[in-house]
PDB file of N, CA and C in Angstrom:
ATOM      1  N   MET A   1     104.393  87.883  69.063  1.00  0.00           N
ATOM      2  CA  MET A   1     103.743  88.845  67.778  1.00  0.00           C
ATOM      3  C   MET A   1     104.541  90.457  68.899  1.00  0.00           C
ATOM      4  N   GLU A   2     105.438  91.010  67.974  1.00  0.00           N
ATOM      5  CA  GLU A   2     105.687  92.339  68.523  1.00  0.00           C
ATOM      6  C   GLU A   2     104.157  93.352  67.890  1.00  0.00           C
ATOM      7  N   LYS A   3     103.859  94.263  68.453  1.00  0.00           N
ATOM      8  CA  LYS A   3     102.917  95.277  68.136  1.00  0.00           C
ATOM      9  C   LYS A   3     103.534  96.208  67.438  1.00  0.00           C
ATOM     10  N   LYS A   4     102.634  96.614  66.673  1.00  0.00           N
ATOM     11  CA  LYS A   4     102.704  98.489  65.672  1.00  0.00           C
ATOM     12  C   LYS A   4     103.229  99.134  67.060  1.00  0.00           C
ATOM     13  N   ILE A   5     104.293 100.052  67.327  1.00  0.00           N
ATOM     14  CA  ILE A   5     104.458 101.122  67.748  1.00  0.00           C
ATOM     15  C   ILE A   5     103.944 102.596  67.494  1.00  0.00           C
ATOM     16  N   ILE A   6     103.079 103.493  68.509  1.00  0.00           N
ATOM     17  CA  ILE A   6     102.664 104.630  68.272  1.00  0.00           C
ATOM     18  C   ILE A   6     103.048 105.052  69.067  1.00  0.00           C
ATOM     19  N   ILE A   7     104.485 106.365  68.777  1.00  0.00           N
ATOM     20  CA  ILE A   7     104.763 107.248  69.913  1.00  0.00           C
ATOM     21  C   ILE A   7     104.007 108.642  69.902  1.00  0.00           C
ATOM     22  N   THR A   8     103.483 109.245  70.715  1.00  0.00           N
ATOM     23  CA  THR A   8     103.108 110.532  71.118  1.00  0.00           C
ATOM     24  C   THR A   8     103.535 111.622  71.379  1.00  0.00           C
ATOM     25  N   ASN A   9     103.146 112.501  70.108  1.00  0.00           N
ATOM     26  CA  ASN A   9     103.453 113.921  70.821  1.00  0.00           C
ATOM     27  C   ASN A   9     104.598 114.070  72.452  1.00  0.00           C
ATOM     28  N   ARG A  10     103.380 114.205  73.606  1.00  0.00           N
ATOM     29  CA  ARG A  10     103.556 113.931  74.907  1.00  0.00           C
ATOM     30  C   ARG A  10     104.683 113.484  75.180  1.00  0.00           C
ATOM     31  N   PHE A  11     105.100 112.363  74.637  1.00  0.00           N
ATOM     32  CA  PHE A  11     105.918 111.290  75.052  1.00  0.00           C
ATOM     33  C   PHE A  11     107.354 112.146  74.050  1.00  0.00           C
ATOM     34  N   ARG A  12     107.118 111.918  72.790  1.00  0.00           N
ATOM     35  CA  ARG A  12     108.363 112.913  72.171  1.00  0.00           C
ATOM     36  C   ARG A  12     108.726 114.427  73.014  1.00  0.00           C
ATOM     37  N   ASN A  13     108.163 115.159  73.511  1.00  0.00           N
ATOM     38  CA  ASN A  13     108.334 116.318  74.744  1.00  0.00           C
ATOM     39  C   ASN A  13     108.768 115.777  75.177  1.00  0.00           C
ATOM     40  N   ASN A  14     108.110 115.384  76.543  1.00  0.00           N
ATOM     41  CA  ASN A  14     108.953 114.819  77.577  1.00  0.00           C
ATOM     42  C   ASN A  14     110.319 114.423  77.515  1.00  0.00           C
ATOM     43  N   THR A  15     110.164 113.351  76.352  1.00  0.00           N
ATOM     44  CA  THR A  15     111.904 112.836  75.840  1.00  0.00           C
ATOM     45  C   THR A  15     112.655 114.225  75.578  1.00  0.00           C
ATOM     46  N   LEU A  16     112.236 114.858  75.027  1.00  0.00           N
ATOM     47  CA  LEU A  16     113.347 115.622  74.599  1.00  0.00           C
ATOM     48  C   LEU A  16     113.451 116.685  75.232  1.00  0.00           C
ATOM     49  N   ARG A  17     112.764 117.235  76.695  1.00  0.00           N
ATOM     50  CA  ARG A  17     113.236 117.638  78.109  1.00  0.00           C
ATOM     51  C   ARG A  17     113.863 116.457  78.452  1.00  0.00           C
ATOM     52  N   VAL A  18     113.893 116.005  78.418  1.00  0.00           N
ATOM     53  CA  VAL A  18     114.874 115.184  79.839  1.00  0.00           C
ATOM     54  C   VAL A  18     116.361 114.921  78.821  1.00  0.00           C
ATOM     55  N   TYR A  19     116.075 114.969  77.433  1.00  0.00           N
ATOM     56  CA  TYR A  19     117.334 114.432  76.558  1.00  0.00           C
ATOM     57  C   TYR A  19     118.570 115.611  76.736  1.00  0.00           C
ATOM     58  N   GLN A  20     117.737 116.712  76.432  1.00  0.00           N
ATOM     59  CA  GLN A  20     118.271 117.947  76.700  1.00  0.00           C
ATOM     60  C   GLN A  20     119.145 118.021  78.142  1.00  0.00           C
ATOM     61  N   TYR A  21     118.442 117.984  78.978  1.00  0.00           N
ATOM     62  CA  TYR A  21     118.562 118.265  80.367  1.00  0.00           C
ATOM     63  C   TYR A  21     120.182 117.572  80.394  1.00  0.00           C
ATOM     64  N   LEU A  22     120.378 116.604  80.284  1.00  0.00           N
ATOM     65  CA  LEU A  22     121.423 115.633  79.795  1.00  0.00           C
ATOM     66  C   LEU A  22     122.675 116.152  79.706  1.00  0.00           C
ATOM     67  N   LEU A  23     122.325 116.653  78.122  1.00  0.00           N
ATOM     68  CA  LEU A  23     122.622 117.616  77.540  1.00  0.00           C
ATOM     69  C   LEU A  23     123.544 118.157  78.296  1.00  0.00           C
ATOM     70  N   LYS A  24     123.023 119.561  78.588  1.00  0.00           N
ATOM     71  CA  LYS A  24     123.602 120.308  79.460  1.00  0.00           C
ATOM     72  C   LYS A  24     124.373 120.129  80.641  1.00  0.00           C
ATOM     73  N   GLU A  25     123.279 119.456  81.697  1.00  0.00           N
ATOM     74  CA  GLU A  25     124.400 118.836  83.072  1.00  0.00           C
ATOM     75  C   GLU A  25     125.549 117.821  83.201  1.00  0.00           C
ATOM     76  N   PHE A  26     125.199 117.160  81.493  1.00  0.00           N
ATOM     77  CA  PHE A  26     126.378 115.724  82.069  1.00  0.00           C
ATOM     78  C   PHE A  26     127.005 115.882  80.979  1.00  0.00           C
ATOM     79  N   SER A  27     126.716 114.777  79.690  1.00  0.00           N
ATOM     80  CA  SER A  27     127.512 114.537  78.740  1.00  0.00           C
ATOM     81  C   SER A  27     126.607 114.914  77.467  1.00  0.00           C
ATOM     82  N   VAL A  28     127.409 114.350  76.674  1.00  0.00           N
ATOM     83  CA  VAL A  28     126.689 113.944  75.098  1.00  0.00           C
ATOM     84  C   VAL A  28     126.681 112.252  75.090  1.00  0.00           C
ATOM     85  N   LYS A  29     127.438 111.507  75.449  1.00  0.00           N
ATOM     86  CA  LYS A  29     127.925 110.389  75.942  1.00  0.00           C
ATOM     87  C   LYS A  29     126.433 110.114  77.126  1.00  0.00           C
ATOM     88  N   THR A  30     126.056 110.806  78.072  1.00  0.00           N
ATOM     89  CA  THR A  30     125.011 110.363  78.906  1.00  0.00           C
ATOM     90  C   THR A  30     123.539 110.641  78.505  1.00  0.00           C
ATOM     91  N   ALA A  31     123.359 111.710  77.341  1.00  0.00           N
ATOM     92  CA  ALA A  31     122.645 111.951  76.822  1.00  0.00           C
ATOM     93  C   ALA A  31     121.907 110.579  75.256  1.00  0.00           C
ATOM     94  N   TYR A  32     123.118 110.639  75.286  1.00  0.00           N
ATOM     95  CA  TYR A  32     123.077 109.181  74.011  1.00  0.00           C
ATOM     96  C   TYR A  32     122.733 108.040  74.691  1.00  0.00           C
ATOM     97  N   ARG A  33     123.197 107.706  75.989  1.00  0.00           N
ATOM     98  CA  ARG A  33     122.728 106.341  77.030  1.00  0.00           C
ATOM     99  C   ARG A  33     121.347 106.368  77.083  1.00  0.00           C
ATOM    100  N   PHE A  34     121.421 107.467  77.176  1.00  0.00           N
ATOM    101  CA  PHE A  34     119.872 107.525  77.958  1.00  0.00           C
ATOM    102  C   PHE A  34     119.015 107.318  76.592  1.00  0.00           C
ATOM    103  N   LEU A  35     118.928 107.854  75.607  1.00  0.00           N
ATOM    104  CA  LEU A  35     118.100 107.681  74.138  1.00  0.00           C
ATOM    105  C   LEU A  35     118.082 105.513  73.635  1.00  0.00           C
ATOM    106  N   ASP A  36     119.276 105.598  74.543  1.00  0.00           N
ATOM    107  CA  ASP A  36     119.381 104.027  73.409  1.00  0.00           C
ATOM    108  C   ASP A  36     119.131 103.405  75.240  1.00  0.00           C
ATOM    109  N   ARG A  37     118.679 103.809  75.695  1.00  0.00           N
ATOM    110  CA  ARG A  37     118.206 102.478  76.508  1.00  0.00           C
ATOM    111  C   ARG A  37     116.993 102.754  76.896  1.00  0.00           C
ATOM    112  N   LEU A  38     116.268 103.597  76.635  1.00  0.00           N
ATOM    113  CA  LEU A  38     114.129 104.327  76.062  1.00  0.00           C
ATOM    114  C   LEU A  38     114.453 103.621  74.910  1.00  0.00           C
ATOM    115  N   GLU A  39     114.627 103.186  74.204  1.00  0.00           N
ATOM    116  CA  GLU A  39     114.880 102.702  72.932  1.00  0.00           C
ATOM    117  C   GLU A  39     114.704 101.373  72.948  1.00  0.00           C
ATOM    118  N   LYS A  40     115.299 100.495  73.760  1.00  0.00           N
ATOM    119  CA  LYS A  40     115.302  98.985  74.377  1.00  0.00           C
ATOM    120  C   LYS A  40     114.637  98.882  75.500  1.00  0.00           C
ATOM    121  N   ARG A  41     114.562  99.974  76.202  1.00  0.00           N
ATOM    122  CA  ARG A  41     112.781  99.979  76.869  1.00  0.00           C
ATOM    123  C   ARG A  41     111.918  99.474  76.220  1.00  0.00           C
ATOM    124  N   ILE A  42     111.763 100.234  75.043  1.00  0.00           N
ATOM    125  CA  ILE A  42     109.526 100.134  74.387  1.00  0.00           C
ATOM    126  C   ILE A  42     110.253  99.091  73.549  1.00  0.00           C
ATOM    127  N   GLU A  43     111.321  98.604  73.233  1.00  0.00           N
ATOM    128  CA  GLU A  43     110.993  97.175  72.063  1.00  0.00           C
ATOM    129  C   GLU A  43     110.823  96.351  73.312  1.00  0.00           C
ATOM    130  N   PHE A  44     110.903  96.333  74.643  1.00  0.00           N
ATOM    131  CA  PHE A  44     111.464  95.638  75.415  1.00  0.00           C
ATOM    132  C   PHE A  44     109.269  95.525  75.836  1.00  0.00           C
ATOM    133  N   ILE A  45     108.704  96.662  76.010  1.00  0.00           N
ATOM    134  CA  ILE A  45     107.455  96.347  76.176  1.00  0.00           C
ATOM    135  C   ILE A  45     106.840  96.120  74.559  1.00  0.00           C
ATOM    136  N   ALA A  46     106.947  96.143  73.764  1.00  0.00           N
ATOM    137  CA  ALA A  46     106.689  95.722  72.228  1.00  0.00           C
ATOM    138  C   ALA A  46     106.922  94.254  72.625  1.00  0.00           C
ATOM    139  N   LYS A  47     107.921  93.644  72.725  1.00  0.00           N
ATOM    140  CA  LYS A  47     107.651  92.169  73.279  1.00  0.00           C
ATOM    141  C   LYS A  47     106.876  91.471  74.461  1.00  0.00           C
ATOM    142  N   ASN A  48     106.533  92.229  75.040  1.00  0.00           N
ATOM    143  CA  ASN A  48     106.056  92.053  76.233  1.00  0.00           C
ATOM    144  C   ASN A  48     104.782  92.848  77.041  1.00  0.00           C
ATOM    145  N   PRO A  49     103.879  93.687  76.254  1.00  0.00           N
ATOM    146  CA  PRO A  49     103.093  94.494  76.576  1.00  0.00           C
ATOM    147  C   PRO A  49     102.219  94.461  78.051  1.00  0.00           C
ATOM    148  N   GLU A  50     101.613  93.328  78.421  1.00  0.00           N
ATOM    149  CA  GLU A  50     100.980  92.753  79.917  1.00  0.00           C
ATOM    150  C   GLU A  50     102.089  92.994  80.986  1.00  0.00           C
ATOM    151  N   ILE A  51     103.355  93.637  80.955  1.00  0.00           N
ATOM    152  CA  ILE A  51     104.524  93.339  81.918  1.00  0.00           C
ATOM    153  C   ILE A  51     104.341  94.640  82.560  1.00  0.00           C
ATOM    154  N   GLY A  52     103.387  95.595  82.111  1.00  0.00           N
ATOM    155  CA  GLY A  52     103.403  97.174  83.100  1.00  0.00           C
ATOM    156  C   GLY A  52     101.947  97.026  84.097  1.00  0.00           C
ATOM    157  N   LYS A  53     102.369  97.817  84.887  1.00  0.00           N
ATOM    158  CA  LYS A  53     101.404  97.819  85.743  1.00  0.00           C
ATOM    159  C   LYS A  53     100.171  98.436  85.408  1.00  0.00           C
ATOM    160  N   ALA A  54      99.030  97.682  85.543  1.00  0.00           N
ATOM    161  CA  ALA A  54      97.992  98.260  85.140  1.00  0.00           C
ATOM    162  C   ALA A  54      97.370  99.739  85.970  1.00  0.00           C
ATOM    163  N   SER A  55      97.253 100.810  85.334  1.00  0.00           N
ATOM    164  CA  SER A  55      96.752 102.583  85.763  1.00  0.00           C
ATOM    165  C   SER A  55      95.220 101.291  86.026  1.00  0.00           C
ATOM    166  N   VAL A  56      95.541 102.997  87.311  1.00  0.00           N
ATOM    167  CA  VAL A  56      93.893 102.643  88.795  1.00  0.00           C
ATOM    168  C   VAL A  56      93.484 103.749  87.421  1.00  0.00           C
ATOM    169  N   LYS A  57      93.650 104.863  87.024  1.00  0.00           N
ATOM    170  CA  LYS A  57      92.981 105.808  86.794  1.00  0.00           C
ATOM    171  C   LYS A  57      92.961 105.762  84.946  1.00  0.00           C
ATOM    172  N   ARG A  58      92.926 104.937  84.078  1.00  0.00           N
ATOM    173  CA  ARG A  58      92.989 104.744  83.179  1.00  0.00           C
ATOM    174  C   ARG A  58      92.739 102.939  82.485  1.00  0.00           C
ATOM    175  N   ILE A  59      91.445 102.579  81.628  1.00  0.00           N
ATOM    176  CA  ILE A  59      91.950 101.777  81.200  1.00  0.00           C
ATOM    177  C   ILE A  59      92.717 101.543  79.914  1.00  0.00           C
ATOM    178  N   ASN A  60      93.269 100.393  79.945  1.00  0.00           N
ATOM    179  CA  ASN A  60      94.242  99.621  78.840  1.00  0.00           C
ATOM    180  C   ASN A  60      95.603 100.118  79.271  1.00  0.00           C
ATOM    181  N   VAL A  61      95.966 101.252  80.128  1.00  0.00           N
ATOM    182  CA  VAL A  61      96.989 102.126  80.036  1.00  0.00           C
ATOM    183  C   VAL A  61      97.574 101.372  81.531  1.00  0.00           C
ATOM    184  N   ARG A  62      99.207 101.058  80.918  1.00  0.00           N
ATOM    185  CA  ARG A  62     100.426 100.606  81.460  1.00  0.00           C
ATOM    186  C   ARG A  62     101.614 101.206  81.786  1.00  0.00           C
ATOM    187  N   SER A  63     102.060 101.313  83.673  1.00  0.00           N
ATOM    188  CA  SER A  63     103.342 101.718  83.589  1.00  0.00           C
ATOM    189  C   SER A  63     104.397 101.084  83.721  1.00  0.00           C
ATOM    190  N   ILE A  64     106.035 101.156  83.148  1.00  0.00           N
ATOM    191  CA  ILE A  64     106.699 100.742  83.337  1.00  0.00           C
ATOM    192  C   ILE A  64     108.120 101.429  83.913  1.00  0.00           C
ATOM    193  N   LEU A  65     108.426 101.156  85.187  1.00  0.00           N
ATOM    194  CA  LEU A  65     109.859 101.884  85.663  1.00  0.00           C
ATOM    195  C   LEU A  65     110.823 101.600  84.291  1.00  0.00           C
ATOM    196  N   PHE A  66     111.127 102.948  84.222  1.00  0.00           N
ATOM    197  CA  PHE A  66     112.597 103.340  82.974  1.00  0.00           C
ATOM    198  C   PHE A  66     113.827 104.005  83.786  1.00  0.00           C
ATOM    199  N   THR A  67     114.259 104.604  85.033  1.00  0.00           N
ATOM    200  CA  THR A  67     114.768 104.784  85.610  1.00  0.00           C
ATOM    201  C   THR A  67     114.443 105.050  86.658  1.00  0.00           C
ATOM    202  N   PRO A  68     115.427 104.767  87.742  1.00  0.00           N
ATOM    203  CA  PRO A  68     114.353 104.743  89.076  1.00  0.00           C
ATOM    204  C   PRO A  68     113.671 106.485  89.047  1.00  0.00           C
ATOM    205  N   HIS A  69     114.023 106.965  88.150  1.00  0.00           N
ATOM    206  CA  HIS A  69     113.122 108.851  88.543  1.00  0.00           C
ATOM    207  C   HIS A  69     111.873 108.972  87.033  1.00  0.00           C
ATOM    208  N   ASN A  70     112.502 108.086  86.739  1.00  0.00           N
ATOM    209  CA  ASN A  70     110.924 108.111  85.113  1.00  0.00           C
ATOM    210  C   ASN A  70     110.144 106.954  84.513  1.00  0.00           C
ATOM    211  N   GLN A  71     109.232 106.944  84.483  1.00  0.00           N
ATOM    212  CA  GLN A  71     108.505 105.258  84.128  1.00  0.00           C
ATOM    213  C   GLN A  71     107.565 105.920  83.148  1.00  0.00           C
ATOM    214  N   ILE A  72     106.972 105.325  82.057  1.00  0.00           N
ATOM    215  CA  ILE A  72     106.468 105.496  80.916  1.00  0.00           C
ATOM    216  C   ILE A  72     105.417 104.463  81.141  1.00  0.00           C
ATOM    217  N   PHE A  73     104.392 105.739  80.389  1.00  0.00           N
ATOM    218  CA  PHE A  73     103.278 104.979  80.580  1.00  0.00           C
ATOM    219  C   PHE A  73     102.937 104.869  79.037  1.00  0.00           C
ATOM    220  N   TYR A  74     101.935 103.920  78.318  1.00  0.00           N
ATOM    221  CA  TYR A  74     101.338 102.992  77.989  1.00  0.00           C
ATOM    222  C   TYR A  74     100.077 102.612  77.227  1.00  0.00           C
ATOM    223  N   ARG A  75      99.417 102.800  76.123  1.00  0.00           N
ATOM    224  CA  ARG A  75      97.974 101.878  76.537  1.00  0.00           C
ATOM    225  C   ARG A  75      98.328 100.664  74.949  1.00  0.00           C
ATOM    226  N   TYR A  76      97.440  99.544  75.861  1.00  0.00           N
ATOM    227  CA  TYR A  76      98.353  98.371  74.710  1.00  0.00           C
ATOM    228  C   TYR A  76      96.489  97.642  74.292  1.00  0.00           C
ATOM    229  N   LYS A  77      97.387  98.092  73.375  1.00  0.00           N
ATOM    230  CA  LYS A  77      95.849  97.356  72.698  1.00  0.00           C
ATOM    231  C   LYS A  77      95.591  96.029  71.913  1.00  0.00           C
ATOM    232  N   LYS A  78      95.300  95.923  70.982  1.00  0.00           N
ATOM    233  CA  LYS A  78      95.605  94.462  70.118  1.00  0.00           C
ATOM    234  C   LYS A  78      96.378  93.880  69.600  1.00  0.00           C
ATOM    235  N   ASN A  79      96.547  95.127  68.711  1.00  0.00           N
ATOM    236  CA  ASN A  79      98.072  95.077  67.784  1.00  0.00           C
ATOM    237  C   ASN A  79      98.560  96.503  67.273  1.00  0.00           C
ATOM    238  N   THR A  80      98.111  97.508  68.766  1.00  0.00           N
ATOM    239  CA  THR A  80      99.301  98.229  68.827  1.00  0.00           C
ATOM    240  C   THR A  80      99.695  98.618  70.786  1.00  0.00           C
ATOM    241  N   ILE A  81     101.211  99.671  70.720  1.00  0.00           N
ATOM    242  CA  ILE A  81     101.098  99.964  71.768  1.00  0.00           C
ATOM    243  C   ILE A  81     101.256 101.539  71.440  1.00  0.00           C
ATOM    244  N   GLU A  82     100.913 102.261  71.917  1.00  0.00           N
ATOM    245  CA  GLU A  82     101.138 103.886  72.628  1.00  0.00           C
ATOM    246  C   GLU A  82     101.779 104.162  72.702  1.00  0.00           C
ATOM    247  N   ILE A  83     102.613 104.455  73.347  1.00  0.00           N
ATOM    248  CA  ILE A  83     103.655 105.270  73.903  1.00  0.00           C
ATOM    249  C   ILE A  83     103.374 106.344  74.418  1.00  0.00           C
ATOM    250  N   LEU A  84     102.873 106.888  75.941  1.00  0.00           N
ATOM    251  CA  LEU A  84     101.727 108.396  76.066  1.00  0.00           C
ATOM    252  C   LEU A  84     102.677 109.274  76.540  1.00  0.00           C
ATOM    253  N   CYS A  85     103.718 108.635  77.661  1.00  0.00           N
ATOM    254  CA  CYS A  85     104.312 110.115  78.399  1.00  0.00           C
ATOM    255  C   CYS A  85     105.576 108.967  79.281  1.00  0.00           C
ATOM    256  N   LEU A  86     106.537 109.996  79.221  1.00  0.00           N
ATOM    257  CA  LEU A  86     107.796 110.159  80.096  1.00  0.00           C
ATOM    258  C   LEU A  86     107.554 110.786  81.258  1.00  0.00           C
ATOM    259  N   PHE A  87     107.019 110.228  82.607  1.00  0.00           N
ATOM    260  CA  PHE A  87     106.712 110.617  83.343  1.00  0.00           C
ATOM    261  C   PHE A  87     107.930 110.747  84.769  1.00  0.00           C
ATOM    262  N   ASP A  88     108.289 112.368  85.274  1.00  0.00           N
ATOM    263  CA  ASP A  88     109.180 111.993  86.458  1.00  0.00           C
ATOM    264  C   ASP A  88     108.853 111.931  87.327  1.00  0.00           C
ATOM    265  N   MET A  89     109.086 111.152  87.841  1.00  0.00           N
ATOM    266  CA  MET A  89     108.446 110.472  89.504  1.00  0.00           C
ATOM    267  C   MET A  89     108.477 110.986  90.506  1.00  0.00           C
ATOM    268  N   ARG A  90     109.854 112.590  90.186  1.00  0.00           N
ATOM    269  CA  ARG A  90     109.586 113.298  91.130  1.00  0.00           C
ATOM    270  C   ARG A  90     108.995 114.375  91.408  1.00  0.00           C
ATOM    271  N   ARG A  91     108.070 114.259  90.771  1.00  0.00           N
ATOM    272  CA  ARG A  91     107.536 115.718  90.603  1.00  0.00           C
ATOM    273  C   ARG A  91     105.976 115.372  91.399  1.00  0.00           C
ATOM    274  N   ASN A  92     104.981 115.749  91.565  1.00  0.00           N
ATOM    275  CA  ASN A  92     104.198 116.088  92.522  1.00  0.00           C
ATOM    276  C   ASN A  92     103.428 114.632  91.422  1.00  0.00           C
ATOM    277  N   PRO A  93     102.903 113.529  92.847  1.00  0.00           N
ATOM    278  CA  PRO A  93     102.178 112.450  92.362  1.00  0.00           C
ATOM    279  C   PRO A  93     100.945 112.417  91.951  1.00  0.00           C
ATOM    280  N   LYS A  94     100.574 113.904  92.244  1.00  0.00           N
ATOM    281  CA  LYS A  94      98.883 114.194  91.817  1.00  0.00           C
ATOM    282  C   LYS A  94      98.352 114.862  90.512  1.00  0.00           C
ATOM    283  N   LYS A  95      99.806 114.938  90.066  1.00  0.00           N
ATOM    284  CA  LYS A  95      99.916 115.502  88.665  1.00  0.00           C
ATOM    285  C   LYS A  95      99.877 114.825  87.482  1.00  0.00           C
ATOM    286  N   ARG A  96     100.294 113.125  88.282  1.00  0.00           N
ATOM    287  CA  ARG A  96     100.789 111.632  87.544  1.00  0.00           C
ATOM    288  C   ARG A  96      99.677 111.669  86.179  1.00  0.00           C
ATOM    289  N   PRO A  97      99.589 111.873  85.486  1.00  0.00           N
ATOM    290  CA  PRO A  97      98.404 111.924  84.236  1.00  0.00           C
ATOM    291  C   PRO A  97      97.748 110.060  83.890  1.00  0.00           C
ATOM    292  N   TYR A  98      98.496 109.562  84.293  1.00  0.00           N
ATOM    293  CA  TYR A  98      97.547 107.921  83.932  1.00  0.00           C
ATOM    294  C   TYR A  98      97.613 107.341  85.469  1.00  0.00           C
TER     295      TYR A  98
END
């Protein structure tokens, strides 16, 4: 059974920044491909919520690799999945939010 998906503002803002960067530095096609792959990864998480690696910092938070440079953090509860953050792993690991 698929879970209800909740998208946080933080995740939306992170995604918008990456999308705008891709538009500016690459192409519309690359930016749309990024969004399409992101949507599919979120659907995959909804179908397989326990697949992500458990966070050592927070209870019920998991992460899954999205691209070689981006990781999706999400909170898995009984009937919901809250998509928390899209984290650029090239940043300082100490700033990792979860």
